[in-house]
Protein backbone atom coordinates (compact mmCIF):
# COMPACT_ATOMS: atom_id res chain seq x y z
CA MET A 1 0.00 0.00 0.00
CA LYS A 2 2.78 2.41 0.95
CA ASN A 3 4.71 1.46 -2.21
CA ASP A 4 1.63 2.16 -4.38
CA LEU A 5 1.19 5.56 -2.73
CA ARG A 6 4.86 6.33 -3.25
CA ARG A 7 4.66 5.37 -6.93
CA ARG A 8 1.57 7.54 -7.46
CA ARG A 9 3.33 10.48 -5.85
CA LEU A 10 6.40 9.94 -8.00
CA ARG A 11 4.25 9.75 -11.15
CA ALA A 12 2.43 12.95 -10.14
CA LEU A 13 5.74 14.67 -9.48
CA ALA A 14 7.10 13.50 -12.82
CA ALA A 15 4.00 14.82 -14.60
CA ILE A 16 4.37 18.20 -12.88
CA LEU A 17 8.04 18.38 -13.87
CA VAL A 18 7.16 17.58 -17.48
CA LEU A 19 4.51 20.32 -17.55
CA ILE A 20 6.92 22.83 -16.03
CA SER A 21 9.65 21.98 -18.52
CA LEU A 22 7.46 22.07 -21.64
CA PRO A 23 7.47 25.88 -22.22
CA PRO A 24 11.27 26.28 -21.86
CA VAL A 25 11.89 23.22 -24.03
CA ALA A 26 9.47 24.50 -26.67
CA ALA A 27 11.11 27.93 -26.54
CA LEU A 28 14.54 26.36 -26.98
CA ALA A 29 13.21 24.42 -29.97
CA VAL A 30 11.99 27.68 -31.54
CA GLN A 31 15.37 29.32 -30.89
CA TRP A 32 17.16 26.39 -32.47
CA ARG A 33 14.87 26.52 -35.53
CA LEU A 34 15.53 30.26 -35.94
CA TYR A 35 19.26 29.75 -35.50
CA ARG A 36 19.36 27.04 -38.19
CA GLN A 37 17.41 29.27 -40.57
CA ASN A 38 19.73 32.22 -39.90
CA LEU A 39 22.75 30.15 -40.94
CA THR A 40 21.61 30.12 -44.58
CA VAL A 41 20.61 33.75 -45.18
CA PRO A 42 22.04 35.39 -48.34
CA LEU A 43 24.14 38.51 -47.88
CA PRO A 44 22.57 41.92 -48.63
CA ALA A 45 23.94 44.35 -51.18
CA PRO A 46 26.79 46.75 -50.31
CA ALA A 47 25.65 49.96 -48.64
CA ARG A 48 25.45 53.04 -50.83
CA ARG A 49 26.84 55.77 -48.64
CA ALA A 50 27.94 59.29 -49.34
CA SER A 51 31.67 59.68 -49.92
CA ALA A 52 33.52 60.01 -46.64
CA GLY A 53 35.18 63.29 -45.81
CA PRO A 54 35.33 66.19 -43.35
CA ALA A 55 31.84 67.31 -44.44
CA THR A 56 30.34 64.05 -43.11
CA ARG A 57 29.18 64.36 -39.50
CA MET A 58 28.42 60.97 -37.98
CA LEU A 59 26.19 60.63 -34.91
CA VAL A 60 26.01 57.22 -33.21
CA ILE A 61 23.23 56.72 -30.65
CA ALA A 62 23.54 53.68 -28.37
CA PRO A 63 21.20 52.45 -25.62
CA HIS A 64 24.09 51.09 -23.51
CA PRO A 65 27.88 51.18 -23.51
CA ASP A 66 29.02 48.39 -25.91
CA ASP A 67 26.10 48.61 -28.38
CA GLU A 68 27.94 51.23 -30.45
CA THR A 69 30.97 48.96 -30.83
CA LEU A 70 29.00 45.78 -31.52
CA GLY A 71 26.76 47.42 -34.10
CA CYS A 72 29.08 49.78 -35.94
CA GLY A 73 32.55 49.76 -34.36
CA GLY A 74 34.28 49.11 -37.68
CA THR A 75 32.28 51.85 -39.40
CA ILE A 76 33.19 54.28 -36.60
CA ALA A 77 36.90 53.48 -36.93
CA SER A 78 36.74 53.83 -40.71
CA ALA A 79 34.95 57.18 -40.41
CA VAL A 80 37.64 58.53 -38.08
CA GLN A 81 40.35 57.38 -40.48
CA HIS A 82 38.62 59.27 -43.32
CA GLY A 83 38.50 62.50 -41.31
CA ASN A 84 34.80 62.36 -40.41
CA ALA A 85 33.53 64.07 -37.28
CA VAL A 86 32.15 61.29 -35.03
CA THR A 87 29.93 61.86 -31.98
CA VAL A 88 28.67 59.02 -29.78
CA VAL A 89 25.69 59.33 -27.41
CA PHE A 90 24.91 56.75 -24.73
CA ILE A 91 21.30 56.91 -23.53
CA THR A 92 21.95 54.82 -20.39
CA ASN A 93 25.11 53.85 -18.52
CA GLY A 94 24.12 50.19 -18.35
CA ASP A 95 23.56 50.32 -14.60
CA GLY A 96 20.69 47.81 -14.52
CA SER A 97 22.56 44.49 -14.47
CA ARG A 98 22.53 43.10 -10.94
CA THR A 99 24.43 40.00 -12.08
CA THR A 100 27.28 42.10 -13.48
CA ALA A 101 27.38 44.23 -10.33
CA ALA A 102 27.30 41.13 -8.12
CA ARG A 103 30.26 39.69 -10.01
CA GLU A 104 32.23 42.94 -9.98
CA PHE A 105 31.61 43.89 -6.35
CA LYS A 106 31.34 40.38 -4.85
CA ARG A 107 27.86 41.04 -3.48
CA LEU A 108 24.95 38.65 -3.90
CA LYS A 109 22.47 41.54 -3.80
CA PRO A 110 24.35 44.71 -4.81
CA ALA A 111 23.01 47.92 -3.27
CA PRO A 112 21.81 50.79 -5.52
CA GLU A 113 25.07 52.69 -4.97
CA LYS A 114 27.00 49.68 -6.30
CA LEU A 115 24.89 49.69 -9.44
CA ILE A 116 25.60 53.41 -9.90
CA ALA A 117 29.31 52.65 -9.41
CA MET A 118 28.96 50.00 -12.11
CA GLY A 119 27.44 52.65 -14.41
CA ARG A 120 30.54 54.81 -13.89
CA MET A 121 32.74 51.80 -14.56
CA ARG A 122 30.92 51.11 -17.83
CA GLN A 123 31.44 54.75 -18.85
CA LYS A 124 35.19 54.20 -18.42
CA GLU A 125 35.00 51.02 -20.48
CA ALA A 126 33.15 52.94 -23.20
CA LEU A 127 35.83 55.63 -23.31
CA THR A 128 38.52 52.94 -23.60
CA ALA A 129 36.62 51.23 -26.43
CA LEU A 130 36.05 54.51 -28.27
CA ALA A 131 39.72 55.46 -27.90
CA GLU A 132 40.58 52.13 -29.54
CA LEU A 133 38.30 53.16 -32.43
CA GLY A 134 39.91 56.60 -32.63
CA VAL A 135 37.04 58.64 -31.13
CA LEU A 136 38.01 61.58 -28.94
CA ARG A 137 36.92 61.60 -25.29
CA ASP A 138 35.03 64.89 -25.73
CA ALA A 139 32.94 63.30 -28.50
CA ALA A 140 31.27 60.87 -26.07
CA HIS A 141 28.13 61.93 -24.20
CA PHE A 142 26.49 59.95 -21.38
CA LEU A 143 22.86 61.02 -20.84
CA GLY A 144 22.34 58.89 -17.70
CA TYR A 145 18.77 57.64 -18.28
CA PRO A 146 17.54 54.40 -16.64
CA ASP A 147 18.87 51.10 -17.91
CA GLY A 148 15.95 48.77 -18.55
CA GLY A 149 13.43 51.62 -18.39
CA LEU A 150 13.54 53.40 -21.77
CA ASP A 151 10.46 51.63 -23.09
CA GLU A 152 8.62 52.77 -19.94
CA LEU A 153 9.73 56.37 -20.56
CA TRP A 154 8.30 56.18 -24.07
CA ARG A 155 5.03 54.50 -23.20
CA SER A 156 4.08 55.42 -19.63
CA HIS A 157 6.33 58.08 -18.08
CA TRP A 158 6.45 60.96 -20.53
CA SER A 159 6.13 64.05 -18.31
CA ALA A 160 8.25 65.22 -15.38
CA ASP A 161 5.29 65.10 -13.03
CA ARG A 162 5.18 61.31 -13.46
CA PRO A 163 8.82 60.18 -13.58
CA TYR A 164 10.00 56.59 -13.80
CA ARG A 165 11.80 55.15 -10.80
CA SER A 166 14.60 52.73 -11.59
CA PRO A 167 14.22 49.41 -9.73
CA PHE A 168 18.02 49.10 -9.88
CA THR A 169 19.42 52.47 -8.78
CA GLN A 170 16.27 53.34 -6.79
CA THR A 171 16.15 56.88 -8.15
CA ASP A 172 13.87 58.82 -10.50
CA ARG A 173 16.61 61.11 -11.84
CA SER A 174 20.14 60.78 -13.15
CA PRO A 175 22.66 60.28 -10.31
CA TYR A 176 25.63 61.01 -12.60
CA ALA A 177 27.59 64.26 -12.40
CA ASN A 178 28.50 64.16 -16.11
CA SER A 179 24.93 63.96 -17.46
CA PRO A 180 24.31 66.89 -19.86
CA THR A 181 21.25 67.76 -17.76
CA LEU A 182 22.20 67.39 -14.11
CA GLU A 183 19.68 65.31 -12.18
CA ALA A 184 17.64 64.84 -15.36
CA ARG A 185 14.22 63.46 -14.47
CA TYR A 186 13.51 59.97 -15.74
CA CYS A 187 10.77 60.89 -18.20
CA GLY A 188 10.31 60.86 -21.94
CA GLU A 189 10.17 64.61 -22.46
CA ALA A 190 13.52 65.10 -20.68
CA LEU A 191 15.22 62.43 -22.79
CA LEU A 192 13.75 63.88 -25.96
CA GLY A 193 14.94 67.35 -24.92
CA ASP A 194 18.51 66.15 -24.36
CA LEU A 195 18.56 64.44 -27.75
CA ARG A 196 17.14 67.49 -29.52
CA GLU A 197 19.81 69.71 -27.97
CA LEU A 198 22.67 67.38 -28.98
CA ILE A 199 21.30 66.98 -32.50
CA ALA A 200 20.95 70.74 -32.94
CA ARG A 201 24.59 71.15 -31.84
CA VAL A 202 26.07 68.31 -33.94
CA ARG A 203 23.88 68.76 -37.05
CA PRO A 204 24.65 65.22 -38.26
CA THR A 205 24.56 64.15 -41.88
CA ASP A 206 24.50 60.44 -40.98
CA VAL A 207 22.85 58.87 -37.93
CA TYR A 208 23.44 55.33 -36.68
CA VAL A 209 20.91 54.01 -34.17
CA THR A 210 19.48 50.69 -33.03
CA ASP A 211 17.04 49.02 -35.39
CA PRO A 212 13.28 49.14 -34.63
CA HIS A 213 13.10 45.33 -35.01
CA ASP A 214 15.44 44.89 -32.03
CA THR A 215 13.75 42.76 -29.38
CA HIS A 216 15.39 44.56 -26.42
CA GLY A 217 13.02 47.21 -25.01
CA ASP A 218 15.77 49.79 -24.48
CA HIS A 219 16.97 49.34 -28.06
CA TRP A 220 13.50 49.70 -29.57
CA ALA A 221 12.84 52.80 -27.46
CA THR A 222 16.21 54.35 -28.38
CA HIS A 223 15.16 54.15 -32.01
CA ALA A 224 11.77 55.68 -31.18
CA PHE A 225 13.25 58.63 -29.27
CA THR A 226 15.82 59.24 -32.00
CA VAL A 227 13.26 59.33 -34.81
CA ALA A 228 10.98 61.50 -32.68
CA ALA A 229 13.79 64.00 -32.05
CA PHE A 230 14.58 64.39 -35.75
CA GLU A 231 10.90 64.60 -36.70
CA SER A 232 10.30 67.32 -34.11
CA LEU A 233 13.29 69.30 -35.40
CA GLY A 234 12.28 68.86 -39.03
CA GLN A 235 15.71 67.37 -39.89
CA ARG A 236 16.17 64.54 -42.40
CA PRO A 237 19.69 63.08 -42.10
CA ARG A 238 20.60 59.71 -43.59
CA LEU A 239 19.41 57.09 -41.10
CA TRP A 240 21.27 53.79 -40.68
CA THR A 241 20.01 51.20 -38.19
CA TYR A 242 22.08 48.46 -36.57
CA LEU A 243 20.69 45.30 -34.99
CA ILE A 244 21.94 43.77 -31.72
CA HIS A 245 19.18 41.53 -30.32
CA ARG A 246 16.81 39.45 -32.38
CA ASP A 247 15.57 36.48 -30.37
CA GLY A 248 12.11 35.11 -29.94
CA GLY A 249 10.36 34.18 -26.74
CA LEU A 250 11.08 32.67 -23.37
CA ALA A 251 14.72 31.86 -24.09
CA GLU A 252 15.63 35.36 -25.24
CA SER A 253 18.34 35.74 -22.59
CA LEU A 254 20.25 32.82 -24.17
CA LYS A 255 20.94 35.00 -27.25
CA PHE A 256 21.79 32.18 -29.62
CA SER A 257 19.38 32.42 -32.55
CA TRP A 258 21.29 35.42 -34.00
CA PRO A 259 24.05 36.28 -34.89
CA ALA A 260 24.63 33.03 -36.73
CA PRO A 261 27.00 31.32 -36.41
CA ILE A 262 27.56 32.30 -32.81
CA GLY A 263 31.10 32.94 -31.58
CA LEU A 264 34.27 34.47 -33.04
CA HIS A 265 34.32 34.12 -36.84
CA PRO A 266 36.27 37.19 -38.04
CA THR A 267 36.68 35.97 -41.62
CA GLU A 268 33.00 35.15 -42.12
CA PRO A 269 30.25 37.61 -43.12
CA LEU A 270 27.27 38.58 -40.98
CA ALA A 271 23.83 38.27 -42.59
CA PRO A 272 20.55 39.64 -41.17
CA PRO A 273 18.05 37.31 -39.50
CA LYS A 274 16.05 35.44 -42.12
CA HIS A 275 12.65 36.66 -40.96
CA LEU A 276 13.66 40.32 -41.20
CA LEU A 277 14.16 39.93 -44.95
CA GLU A 278 10.35 39.78 -45.15
CA THR A 279 9.94 43.27 -43.66
CA ASN A 280 10.12 46.64 -45.40
CA THR A 281 13.62 47.35 -44.11
CA ARG A 282 16.32 47.27 -46.80
CA TRP A 283 19.48 45.61 -45.43
CA GLN A 284 22.92 46.62 -46.64
CA GLN A 285 26.44 45.68 -45.65
CA VAL A 286 29.68 47.57 -45.19
CA GLN A 287 32.85 45.58 -45.82
CA LEU A 288 35.60 45.82 -43.19
CA SER A 289 39.28 45.29 -43.76
CA HIS A 290 41.20 42.77 -41.63
CA GLU A 291 42.73 45.68 -39.73
CA LEU A 292 39.31 47.19 -38.96
CA VAL A 293 37.98 43.82 -37.74
CA GLU A 294 40.97 43.50 -35.39
CA GLN A 295 40.47 47.08 -34.19
CA LYS A 296 36.79 46.39 -33.51
CA LEU A 297 37.63 43.19 -31.63
CA ARG A 298 40.04 45.09 -29.37
CA ALA A 299 37.29 47.63 -28.67
CA ILE A 300 34.85 44.82 -27.81
CA HIS A 301 37.36 43.43 -25.32
CA ALA A 302 37.50 46.84 -23.62
CA TYR A 303 34.07 45.98 -22.18
CA ARG A 304 35.60 43.66 -19.61
CA SER A 305 32.58 43.70 -17.29
CA GLN A 306 30.33 42.32 -20.05
CA LEU A 307 32.63 39.63 -21.41
CA GLY A 308 32.05 37.13 -18.60
CA PRO A 309 28.58 35.83 -19.51
CA TYR A 310 28.29 37.42 -22.96
CA GLU A 311 31.71 37.04 -24.63
CA LYS A 312 30.58 34.43 -27.17
CA PHE A 313 27.65 36.65 -28.15
CA MET A 314 29.69 39.87 -28.26
CA VAL A 315 32.57 38.59 -30.38
CA SER A 316 30.00 37.30 -32.89
CA PHE A 317 29.85 40.89 -34.18
CA ALA A 318 33.57 40.94 -35.10
CA ARG A 319 32.97 39.92 -38.73
CA LYS A 320 34.27 40.94 -42.14
CA ASN A 321 31.25 43.22 -42.58
CA GLU A 322 28.67 45.25 -40.65
CA LEU A 323 24.94 45.33 -41.35
CA PHE A 324 22.76 48.42 -41.59
CA GLY A 325 19.08 48.81 -42.31
CA THR A 326 17.37 51.69 -44.03
CA PRO A 327 13.62 51.99 -43.34
CA ALA A 328 11.09 52.42 -46.08
CA PRO A 329 10.65 56.16 -46.76
CA PRO A 330 7.42 57.79 -45.54
CA ASN A 331 4.66 58.05 -48.11
CA THR A 332 2.13 60.89 -48.16
CA ASN A 333 -0.80 58.74 -49.20
CA ALA A 334 -0.15 55.54 -47.27
CA SER A 335 2.32 53.89 -44.96
CA LEU A 336 2.76 50.17 -44.60
CA ILE A 337 4.52 48.31 -41.78
CA VAL A 338 5.45 44.81 -42.90
CA ASP A 339 6.25 42.55 -39.95
CA ALA A 340 8.12 39.26 -39.74
CA ALA A 341 6.18 35.99 -39.53
CA HIS A 342 6.57 33.07 -37.09
CA ASP A 343 9.67 34.65 -35.55
CA GLY A 344 9.16 33.84 -31.87
CA PHE A 345 7.87 31.32 -29.37
CA ALA A 346 4.82 33.33 -28.21
CA ARG A 347 3.78 34.09 -31.79
CA ASP A 348 4.18 30.45 -32.76
CA ILE A 349 1.74 29.25 -30.13
CA VAL A 350 -0.68 32.21 -30.49
CA PRO A 351 -0.86 33.02 -34.23
CA ALA A 352 -3.76 35.37 -33.46
CA GLY A 353 -1.12 37.69 -32.00
CA ASP A 354 1.35 37.50 -34.90
CA VAL A 355 1.14 40.80 -36.83
CA LYS A 356 1.57 40.61 -40.60
CA SER A 357 1.19 44.25 -41.61
CA VAL A 358 -0.24 47.65 -40.72
CA ASP A 359 -1.79 49.91 -43.36
CA VAL A 360 -2.57 53.56 -42.68
CA HIS A 361 -4.48 55.59 -45.29
CA PRO A 362 -6.05 59.06 -45.25
CA ASP A 363 -9.81 58.75 -44.81
CA GLY A 364 -11.27 62.05 -45.88
CA SER A 365 -9.64 65.29 -44.81
CA ASN A 366 -9.47 64.74 -41.07
CA ALA A 367 -9.14 61.01 -40.33
CA LEU A 368 -6.97 57.98 -40.95
CA ARG A 369 -8.14 54.48 -41.83
CA VAL A 370 -6.06 51.89 -39.96
CA GLU A 371 -5.89 48.22 -40.95
CA LEU A 372 -4.08 45.61 -38.87
CA THR A 373 -3.54 42.27 -40.63
CA LEU A 374 -2.62 39.11 -38.71
CA PHE A 375 -1.21 35.74 -39.73
CA GLY A 376 -3.86 33.99 -37.63
CA LYS A 377 -7.50 34.81 -37.08
CA PRO A 378 -8.17 37.46 -34.40
CA SER A 379 -9.07 36.27 -30.92
CA ALA A 380 -11.18 37.97 -28.26
CA ARG A 381 -8.48 37.01 -25.72
CA VAL A 382 -5.80 39.08 -27.48
CA ARG A 383 -5.50 42.86 -27.16
CA TYR A 384 -4.76 44.64 -30.47
CA GLU A 385 -3.47 48.19 -30.36
CA VAL A 386 -1.94 50.66 -32.78
CA GLU A 387 -0.12 53.60 -31.18
CA PHE A 388 0.22 56.99 -32.88
CA THR A 389 2.69 59.50 -31.40
CA ALA A 390 3.04 62.94 -32.97
CA ILE A 391 5.75 65.33 -31.79
CA THR A 392 6.23 68.89 -33.01
CA ARG A 393 8.70 71.33 -31.45
CA GLY A 394 8.90 69.06 -28.40
CA GLU A 395 5.12 68.94 -27.91
CA MET A 396 3.71 65.40 -27.83
CA ALA A 397 0.26 64.08 -28.69
CA ARG A 398 -0.50 60.37 -28.46
CA GLU A 399 -3.44 58.16 -29.34
CA VAL A 400 -3.55 54.42 -28.67
CA MET A 401 -6.21 52.72 -30.77
CA VAL A 402 -7.55 49.45 -29.40
CA LEU A 403 -9.05 47.43 -32.24
CA PRO A 404 -11.78 44.97 -31.20
CA SER A 405 -11.36 41.44 -32.55
CA THR A 406 -14.82 41.80 -34.09
CA ALA A 407 -13.81 44.71 -36.40
CA LEU A 408 -13.07 42.19 -39.15
CA LEU A 409 -12.88 42.62 -42.90
CA SER A 410 -14.02 39.86 -45.24
CA ASP A 411 -10.59 38.16 -45.30
CA GLU A 412 -11.07 37.28 -41.58
CA HIS A 413 -7.47 38.27 -40.80
CA THR A 414 -7.67 42.09 -40.98
CA LEU A 415 -9.03 44.48 -38.36
CA ARG A 416 -10.06 48.00 -39.39
CA ALA A 417 -10.72 51.20 -37.43
CA THR A 418 -10.79 54.95 -38.06
CA LEU A 419 -8.65 57.49 -36.22
CA PRO A 420 -9.93 61.12 -36.15
CA LEU A 421 -7.06 63.62 -36.43
CA ASP A 422 -8.61 66.27 -34.17
CA ARG A 423 -6.25 65.34 -31.33
CA PHE A 424 -3.21 66.04 -33.51
CA ARG A 425 -4.26 69.60 -34.38
CA GLU A 426 -1.79 71.08 -36.92
CA MET A 427 0.55 68.08 -36.87
CA ASP A 428 0.92 66.23 -40.17
CA SER A 429 2.88 63.11 -39.22
CA ALA A 430 3.16 60.53 -36.46
CA LEU A 431 5.28 57.62 -35.30
CA VAL A 432 3.28 54.40 -35.53
CA VAL A 433 3.73 50.99 -33.89
CA ALA A 434 1.36 48.03 -33.46
CA ARG A 435 1.34 45.66 -30.48
CA THR A 436 -0.53 42.53 -29.48
CA GLN A 437 -0.83 41.19 -25.96
CA LEU A 438 -2.37 38.17 -24.22
CA GLY A 439 -3.03 39.13 -20.62
CA LYS A 440 0.36 40.38 -19.37
CA ILE A 441 2.29 38.54 -22.08
CA LYS A 442 3.50 40.69 -24.99
CA LEU A 443 3.01 38.63 -28.14
CA ASP A 444 4.26 40.95 -30.86
CA GLN A 445 5.51 44.47 -31.46
CA THR A 446 6.20 45.85 -34.92
CA ALA A 447 8.92 48.18 -36.04
CA LEU A 448 8.17 51.87 -35.59
CA ARG A 449 7.51 53.85 -38.76
CA VAL A 450 6.69 57.45 -39.64
CA VAL A 451 3.29 58.04 -41.22
CA ARG A 452 2.51 61.33 -42.95
CA TRP A 453 -0.84 62.69 -44.00
CA ARG A 454 -1.88 65.87 -45.77
CA SER A 455 -2.65 68.72 -43.38
CA ALA A 456 -6.35 69.23 -42.84
CA SER A 457 -5.91 72.99 -42.82
C-alpha cells in the first residue's frame, strides 16, 4: 500500500516536472529553428553611402555602452580614419545588471550605490573602447537615463510630473555628475529634450541608431526617441540602423538564434536574421578590412565587465562586414509596416497575436483608416493596439487605438478602425507601432515607422 502511494506520488511529481519543462523546451526548440534558418541567409547588397570626408558628420546613438561597438565599431573606426567628425551618445550607462554588479563587487544583492558605481565603470570602459576606435573623449556623451526603463519612458512616463523610478538604482533622476542635464528626471520629455539639444549642436549628416526590429526594449525605445527627435526638429539626415538583439520568446536571454553562427568568426560575413528579410527594411552591408575587424575586436574586449557571460555573443559581431538597415521612406498617401512571420515562441503558439502588416491611409480630410492584418485569425483574448505618437517642437500628442477582434474585414485576418485627427491639431505626421498582448504577455511588437498625412488645414 505504501509502495503504491509512493509510486503515485512519483508519477504525479514527474507529470508536474514535465509540464513545467514544456514551455522552456518549446522555446529552446523555436530558438534552435531560428538559428538554423539564420545560418543560410544570403548577404545583402553593399551599402550606398555618401563619400567620406570632413563634411560628413556621424552621430552614433547607443542604448548602452558596448552597443555602439557591436553594431558599428568598424564603421566608426573607418569614419575617423577618413576624417569624419564622429559623436557618440549613450542613452543609459548600463547600470541595470545586478548579475554584473554582483560579479564585480562580490555582493549577492548589490546595493543601488553599487549599481551606480557600475554605471561609472561602464562609462570608463566605453571611453577605452572609443579610444581604440579613434574617437576623442570629448565626443562621447552619457545622458544617464535608466537602464531597462527606456520603453517605460516612451510609453508610460512621458512628463516630469510622473517620472519613472529605476528598480536598480532606486532613483527617479540621473545620479551622474556628467549627465548633460544634471539630475535629469527619468521621463520621456527630458530624454527627448537632451537628444534634440545634442542633434541641434552636432547637425549630423549620418545617424546610426538601433534598429526598430530589435527585441530589447531599451533598443526599440532608443530608435523611437531618435526618430521623434529628428521629426520634431524637421531634420532629415541619412538614417542607418544596426541590430543587436533578435531572439524570440522565453529563451531570449540565451541570445543564440542570432548572430549566426555564434562565436568568433572574423573571416565570415554577418547576414541579417532570415525573418527580417520579409519586412520593409532594406538591409545593406559595409565591408571591413582585416585591420578594422581587429580594431573592432580590441574595442569589444575593452568591455571587460560584459565579457564574462556574454563574450561568445559579443565577439559574434567581429565579422568581415557590418549590417545596416534603411527603413522604407514615408509616403504621403499611405504607410505600410510589414512585420516578420513566425519569428518567436509566443507568436508560434498564439498566431492570433502574430502581426503581418499595418496599413494607414487618409480617410477624408481629417481622419486615418487603420488596418491591422494578422497571420492567424483574431481572438477575443488578445488585445490589439496601434499607437500613434506625434511630436512637433517638443510637444507630444498620443493616441492608442484598441481594435476589437470583431472589427473584421471579409478576409477574416484584418481588423479596421478609423482614427480622427482632431487630437493632432496642426501636426501632419506621427510615429506608428502596433502591439498585441495576451493578458500580461506581450506577443508581438512591430517596427516603428513614420506616417505622414496631408494637413487638414
